[in-house]
Amino acid sequence: MIIRAHVLAKHPAWLISEAVNGAEAIALVDQDLPDYCTMDINMPGISGTDAAEIILAKYPALRMVLFSANIQEANQVRATALGIIFVAKPVTEKSIAQTLNHFAGAQ
């Protein structure tokens, strides 16, 4: 909800869909391919990283950001290997700016 609020503050016209678990995230993306995607590692059932891997295998051009308080190096390395930007929680103005820059194509 915090990410949603921060993003909508910058882009109020954006439509944001949310999933409660990894399987639902995959189904949402398959149903209506978004322009951008944020994911959390810790999700019920399929983890956010596993869901991201499945999604990116189908839609490799989708820009994705992985938010997590679980900052273990292995999670960061896996995100990088998938081409996902890893952003540590808590969500801040700086992390939202980093996310929006990635969505815009800036590195």
N, C-alpha and C. Protein backbone atom coordinates (compact mmCIF):
# COMPACT_ATOMS: atom_id res chain seq x y z
N MET A 1 0.82 -1.19 0.00
CA MET A 1 0.00 0.00 0.00
C MET A 1 0.86 1.26 0.00
N ILE A 2 2.01 1.18 0.65
CA ILE A 2 2.91 2.33 0.69
C ILE A 2 3.46 2.62 -0.70
N ILE A 3 3.87 1.57 -1.40
CA ILE A 3 4.40 1.75 -2.75
C ILE A 3 3.32 2.36 -3.64
N ARG A 4 2.11 1.83 -3.55
CA ARG A 4 0.98 2.35 -4.34
C ARG A 4 0.80 3.84 -4.08
N ALA A 5 0.78 4.23 -2.83
CA ALA A 5 0.56 5.64 -2.48
C ALA A 5 1.67 6.52 -3.03
N HIS A 6 2.91 6.09 -2.91
CA HIS A 6 4.04 6.88 -3.41
C HIS A 6 4.00 7.00 -4.94
N VAL A 7 3.72 5.91 -5.62
CA VAL A 7 3.69 5.94 -7.08
C VAL A 7 2.53 6.80 -7.57
N LEU A 8 1.35 6.64 -6.97
CA LEU A 8 0.20 7.43 -7.40
C LEU A 8 0.37 8.91 -7.09
N ALA A 9 1.16 9.23 -6.09
CA ALA A 9 1.45 10.63 -5.80
C ALA A 9 2.22 11.26 -6.95
N LYS A 10 3.06 10.49 -7.61
CA LYS A 10 3.86 10.98 -8.74
C LYS A 10 3.13 10.81 -10.07
N HIS A 11 2.31 9.75 -10.18
CA HIS A 11 1.62 9.43 -11.44
C HIS A 11 0.16 9.07 -11.13
N PRO A 12 -0.68 10.06 -10.81
CA PRO A 12 -2.05 9.77 -10.38
C PRO A 12 -2.92 9.08 -11.44
N ALA A 13 -2.57 9.14 -12.69
CA ALA A 13 -3.38 8.52 -13.74
C ALA A 13 -3.05 7.04 -13.95
N TRP A 14 -1.98 6.56 -13.33
CA TRP A 14 -1.59 5.17 -13.52
C TRP A 14 -2.62 4.24 -12.88
N LEU A 15 -2.91 3.14 -13.55
CA LEU A 15 -3.77 2.09 -13.02
C LEU A 15 -2.87 1.05 -12.36
N ILE A 16 -3.14 0.74 -11.12
CA ILE A 16 -2.30 -0.21 -10.39
C ILE A 16 -3.14 -1.42 -10.01
N SER A 17 -2.65 -2.60 -10.36
CA SER A 17 -3.27 -3.87 -9.98
C SER A 17 -2.40 -4.50 -8.92
N GLU A 18 -3.03 -5.21 -7.99
CA GLU A 18 -2.27 -5.85 -6.92
C GLU A 18 -2.64 -7.32 -6.80
N ALA A 19 -1.64 -8.12 -6.47
CA ALA A 19 -1.84 -9.55 -6.24
C ALA A 19 -1.48 -9.86 -4.79
N VAL A 20 -2.17 -10.83 -4.21
CA VAL A 20 -1.89 -11.18 -2.81
C VAL A 20 -0.87 -12.31 -2.69
N ASN A 21 -0.55 -12.97 -3.83
CA ASN A 21 0.45 -14.04 -3.78
C ASN A 21 1.09 -14.17 -5.17
N GLY A 22 2.12 -14.98 -5.23
CA GLY A 22 2.87 -15.13 -6.47
C GLY A 22 2.05 -15.69 -7.62
N ALA A 23 1.23 -16.69 -7.33
CA ALA A 23 0.40 -17.30 -8.38
C ALA A 23 -0.59 -16.27 -8.95
N GLU A 24 -1.15 -15.45 -8.09
CA GLU A 24 -2.08 -14.42 -8.55
C GLU A 24 -1.35 -13.36 -9.38
N ALA A 25 -0.12 -13.04 -9.00
CA ALA A 25 0.68 -12.08 -9.76
C ALA A 25 0.91 -12.59 -11.19
N ILE A 26 1.26 -13.86 -11.31
CA ILE A 26 1.48 -14.46 -12.63
C ILE A 26 0.19 -14.38 -13.45
N ALA A 27 -0.94 -14.74 -12.84
CA ALA A 27 -2.22 -14.72 -13.54
C ALA A 27 -2.60 -13.30 -13.97
N LEU A 28 -2.37 -12.32 -13.09
CA LEU A 28 -2.68 -10.93 -13.43
C LEU A 28 -1.86 -10.45 -14.63
N VAL A 29 -0.58 -10.78 -14.64
CA VAL A 29 0.28 -10.36 -15.75
C VAL A 29 -0.16 -11.04 -17.04
N ASP A 30 -0.49 -12.33 -16.96
CA ASP A 30 -0.96 -13.05 -18.15
C ASP A 30 -2.27 -12.48 -18.67
N GLN A 31 -3.13 -12.05 -17.77
CA GLN A 31 -4.45 -11.53 -18.13
C GLN A 31 -4.35 -10.14 -18.77
N ASP A 32 -3.51 -9.29 -18.22
CA ASP A 32 -3.41 -7.90 -18.70
C ASP A 32 -1.99 -7.42 -18.47
N LEU A 33 -1.13 -7.62 -19.46
CA LEU A 33 0.29 -7.31 -19.33
C LEU A 33 0.50 -5.85 -18.91
N PRO A 34 1.12 -5.65 -17.75
CA PRO A 34 1.34 -4.27 -17.29
C PRO A 34 2.54 -3.64 -17.99
N ASP A 35 2.65 -2.34 -17.86
CA ASP A 35 3.82 -1.64 -18.36
C ASP A 35 5.01 -1.88 -17.44
N TYR A 36 4.74 -1.97 -16.14
CA TYR A 36 5.78 -2.12 -15.12
C TYR A 36 5.26 -3.03 -14.02
N CYS A 37 6.19 -3.56 -13.23
CA CYS A 37 5.79 -4.47 -12.15
C CYS A 37 6.71 -4.31 -10.96
N THR A 38 6.11 -4.25 -9.77
CA THR A 38 6.90 -4.35 -8.54
C THR A 38 6.50 -5.66 -7.87
N MET A 39 7.44 -6.23 -7.16
CA MET A 39 7.20 -7.52 -6.52
C MET A 39 7.89 -7.51 -5.16
N ASP A 40 7.37 -8.29 -4.25
CA ASP A 40 8.00 -8.50 -2.96
C ASP A 40 8.48 -9.95 -2.92
N ILE A 41 9.59 -10.21 -2.24
CA ILE A 41 10.08 -11.59 -2.15
C ILE A 41 9.12 -12.46 -1.35
N ASN A 42 8.74 -11.98 -0.18
CA ASN A 42 7.95 -12.79 0.75
C ASN A 42 6.47 -12.69 0.41
N MET A 43 6.00 -13.71 -0.32
CA MET A 43 4.59 -13.81 -0.69
C MET A 43 4.14 -15.22 -0.38
N PRO A 44 2.85 -15.40 -0.05
CA PRO A 44 2.35 -16.76 0.20
C PRO A 44 2.48 -17.63 -1.05
N GLY A 45 2.73 -18.91 -0.85
CA GLY A 45 2.84 -19.83 -2.00
C GLY A 45 4.12 -19.59 -2.75
N ILE A 46 4.01 -19.26 -4.01
CA ILE A 46 5.18 -18.99 -4.86
C ILE A 46 5.82 -17.69 -4.39
N SER A 47 7.10 -17.71 -4.15
CA SER A 47 7.79 -16.48 -3.71
C SER A 47 7.76 -15.44 -4.82
N GLY A 48 7.96 -14.20 -4.45
CA GLY A 48 7.99 -13.12 -5.43
C GLY A 48 9.10 -13.31 -6.45
N THR A 49 10.23 -13.84 -6.00
CA THR A 49 11.35 -14.04 -6.93
C THR A 49 11.03 -15.16 -7.91
N ASP A 50 10.42 -16.23 -7.42
CA ASP A 50 10.03 -17.32 -8.33
C ASP A 50 8.96 -16.84 -9.31
N ALA A 51 7.99 -16.08 -8.81
CA ALA A 51 6.96 -15.53 -9.69
C ALA A 51 7.58 -14.61 -10.73
N ALA A 52 8.52 -13.79 -10.29
CA ALA A 52 9.20 -12.87 -11.22
C ALA A 52 9.93 -13.65 -12.31
N GLU A 53 10.58 -14.74 -11.94
CA GLU A 53 11.30 -15.54 -12.92
C GLU A 53 10.33 -16.13 -13.96
N ILE A 54 9.19 -16.60 -13.51
CA ILE A 54 8.18 -17.16 -14.41
C ILE A 54 7.64 -16.06 -15.33
N ILE A 55 7.33 -14.91 -14.76
CA ILE A 55 6.80 -13.79 -15.55
C ILE A 55 7.81 -13.32 -16.58
N LEU A 56 9.05 -13.15 -16.16
CA LEU A 56 10.07 -12.64 -17.08
C LEU A 56 10.45 -13.65 -18.16
N ALA A 57 10.25 -14.94 -17.90
CA ALA A 57 10.49 -15.94 -18.94
C ALA A 57 9.49 -15.75 -20.09
N LYS A 58 8.27 -15.32 -19.75
CA LYS A 58 7.23 -15.09 -20.76
C LYS A 58 7.31 -13.68 -21.35
N TYR A 59 7.70 -12.72 -20.52
CA TYR A 59 7.67 -11.30 -20.91
C TYR A 59 9.00 -10.65 -20.55
N PRO A 60 10.06 -10.99 -21.25
CA PRO A 60 11.41 -10.53 -20.86
C PRO A 60 11.61 -9.01 -20.92
N ALA A 61 10.78 -8.29 -21.64
CA ALA A 61 10.95 -6.84 -21.74
C ALA A 61 10.26 -6.09 -20.59
N LEU A 62 9.50 -6.79 -19.76
CA LEU A 62 8.79 -6.15 -18.66
C LEU A 62 9.79 -5.60 -17.64
N ARG A 63 9.68 -4.32 -17.33
CA ARG A 63 10.54 -3.71 -16.32
C ARG A 63 9.98 -4.03 -14.94
N MET A 64 10.84 -4.60 -14.10
CA MET A 64 10.39 -5.05 -12.79
C MET A 64 11.34 -4.57 -11.71
N VAL A 65 10.76 -4.29 -10.54
CA VAL A 65 11.52 -3.91 -9.35
C VAL A 65 11.10 -4.83 -8.22
N LEU A 66 12.07 -5.34 -7.50
CA LEU A 66 11.82 -6.24 -6.37
C LEU A 66 12.07 -5.47 -5.08
N PHE A 67 11.03 -5.27 -4.30
CA PHE A 67 11.14 -4.63 -2.99
C PHE A 67 11.18 -5.72 -1.94
N SER A 68 12.06 -5.57 -0.95
CA SER A 68 12.07 -6.55 0.13
C SER A 68 12.87 -6.05 1.33
N ALA A 69 12.41 -6.45 2.50
CA ALA A 69 13.17 -6.21 3.72
C ALA A 69 14.20 -7.34 3.89
N ASN A 70 14.06 -8.40 3.09
CA ASN A 70 14.97 -9.54 3.13
C ASN A 70 16.17 -9.23 2.23
N ILE A 71 17.18 -8.58 2.81
CA ILE A 71 18.28 -8.04 2.01
C ILE A 71 19.48 -8.98 1.91
N GLN A 72 19.27 -10.26 2.13
CA GLN A 72 20.36 -11.22 2.01
C GLN A 72 20.98 -11.12 0.62
N GLU A 73 22.29 -11.27 0.58
CA GLU A 73 23.02 -11.13 -0.69
C GLU A 73 22.49 -12.09 -1.75
N ALA A 74 22.10 -13.29 -1.36
CA ALA A 74 21.59 -14.26 -2.34
C ALA A 74 20.35 -13.73 -3.06
N ASN A 75 19.49 -13.04 -2.34
CA ASN A 75 18.29 -12.46 -2.96
C ASN A 75 18.66 -11.34 -3.92
N GLN A 76 19.62 -10.53 -3.56
CA GLN A 76 20.05 -9.44 -4.42
C GLN A 76 20.73 -9.98 -5.68
N VAL A 77 21.54 -11.02 -5.53
CA VAL A 77 22.22 -11.62 -6.67
C VAL A 77 21.21 -12.25 -7.63
N ARG A 78 20.22 -12.94 -7.07
CA ARG A 78 19.20 -13.57 -7.92
C ARG A 78 18.40 -12.50 -8.67
N ALA A 79 18.04 -11.42 -7.99
CA ALA A 79 17.31 -10.35 -8.65
C ALA A 79 18.13 -9.77 -9.80
N THR A 80 19.39 -9.52 -9.56
CA THR A 80 20.27 -8.98 -10.59
C THR A 80 20.38 -9.94 -11.77
N ALA A 81 20.49 -11.23 -11.48
CA ALA A 81 20.59 -12.24 -12.55
C ALA A 81 19.33 -12.26 -13.41
N LEU A 82 18.19 -11.94 -12.81
CA LEU A 82 16.93 -11.90 -13.55
C LEU A 82 16.72 -10.57 -14.27
N GLY A 83 17.60 -9.61 -14.02
CA GLY A 83 17.45 -8.29 -14.63
C GLY A 83 16.49 -7.39 -13.87
N ILE A 84 16.29 -7.72 -12.60
CA ILE A 84 15.37 -6.97 -11.75
C ILE A 84 16.17 -6.04 -10.85
N ILE A 85 15.69 -4.83 -10.68
CA ILE A 85 16.30 -3.91 -9.72
C ILE A 85 15.84 -4.33 -8.32
N PHE A 86 16.77 -4.49 -7.40
CA PHE A 86 16.46 -4.84 -6.01
C PHE A 86 16.46 -3.57 -5.18
N VAL A 87 15.37 -3.33 -4.45
CA VAL A 87 15.25 -2.16 -3.59
C VAL A 87 14.91 -2.62 -2.18
N ALA A 88 15.76 -2.23 -1.24
CA ALA A 88 15.55 -2.63 0.16
C ALA A 88 14.43 -1.80 0.78
N LYS A 89 13.59 -2.46 1.57
CA LYS A 89 12.59 -1.76 2.36
C LYS A 89 13.28 -1.21 3.61
N PRO A 90 12.78 -0.21 4.24
CA PRO A 90 11.47 0.38 4.04
C PRO A 90 11.43 1.26 2.79
N VAL A 91 10.23 1.42 2.26
CA VAL A 91 10.01 2.25 1.08
C VAL A 91 10.23 3.71 1.47
N THR A 92 11.01 4.40 0.64
CA THR A 92 11.29 5.81 0.88
C THR A 92 11.09 6.59 -0.42
N GLU A 93 11.13 7.90 -0.33
CA GLU A 93 11.06 8.72 -1.54
C GLU A 93 12.20 8.36 -2.49
N LYS A 94 13.38 8.10 -1.93
CA LYS A 94 14.54 7.75 -2.75
C LYS A 94 14.32 6.42 -3.47
N SER A 95 13.77 5.42 -2.77
CA SER A 95 13.56 4.13 -3.41
C SER A 95 12.46 4.20 -4.47
N ILE A 96 11.45 5.03 -4.24
CA ILE A 96 10.42 5.23 -5.26
C ILE A 96 11.02 5.93 -6.48
N ALA A 97 11.87 6.92 -6.25
CA ALA A 97 12.55 7.60 -7.37
C ALA A 97 13.39 6.61 -8.16
N GLN A 98 14.11 5.73 -7.46
CA GLN A 98 14.92 4.70 -8.12
C GLN A 98 14.03 3.80 -8.97
N THR A 99 12.90 3.43 -8.43
CA THR A 99 11.95 2.57 -9.15
C THR A 99 11.42 3.26 -10.40
N LEU A 100 10.96 4.49 -10.24
CA LEU A 100 10.41 5.23 -11.39
C LEU A 100 11.46 5.50 -12.45
N ASN A 101 12.71 5.73 -12.04
CA ASN A 101 13.81 5.90 -13.00
C ASN A 101 14.02 4.62 -13.80
N HIS A 102 13.97 3.48 -13.12
CA HIS A 102 14.11 2.20 -13.80
C HIS A 102 12.96 2.00 -14.79
N PHE A 103 11.75 2.31 -14.37
CA PHE A 103 10.61 2.17 -15.26
C PHE A 103 10.76 3.07 -16.49
N ALA A 104 11.35 4.23 -16.30
CA ALA A 104 11.53 5.17 -17.40
C ALA A 104 12.71 4.79 -18.31
N GLY A 105 13.48 3.80 -17.89
CA GLY A 105 14.60 3.35 -18.71
C GLY A 105 15.93 3.89 -18.29
N ALA A 106 15.97 4.72 -17.24
CA ALA A 106 17.25 5.23 -16.73
C ALA A 106 17.91 4.17 -15.88
N GLN A 107 19.20 4.15 -15.91
CA GLN A 107 19.92 3.16 -15.09
C GLN A 107 20.62 3.77 -13.93
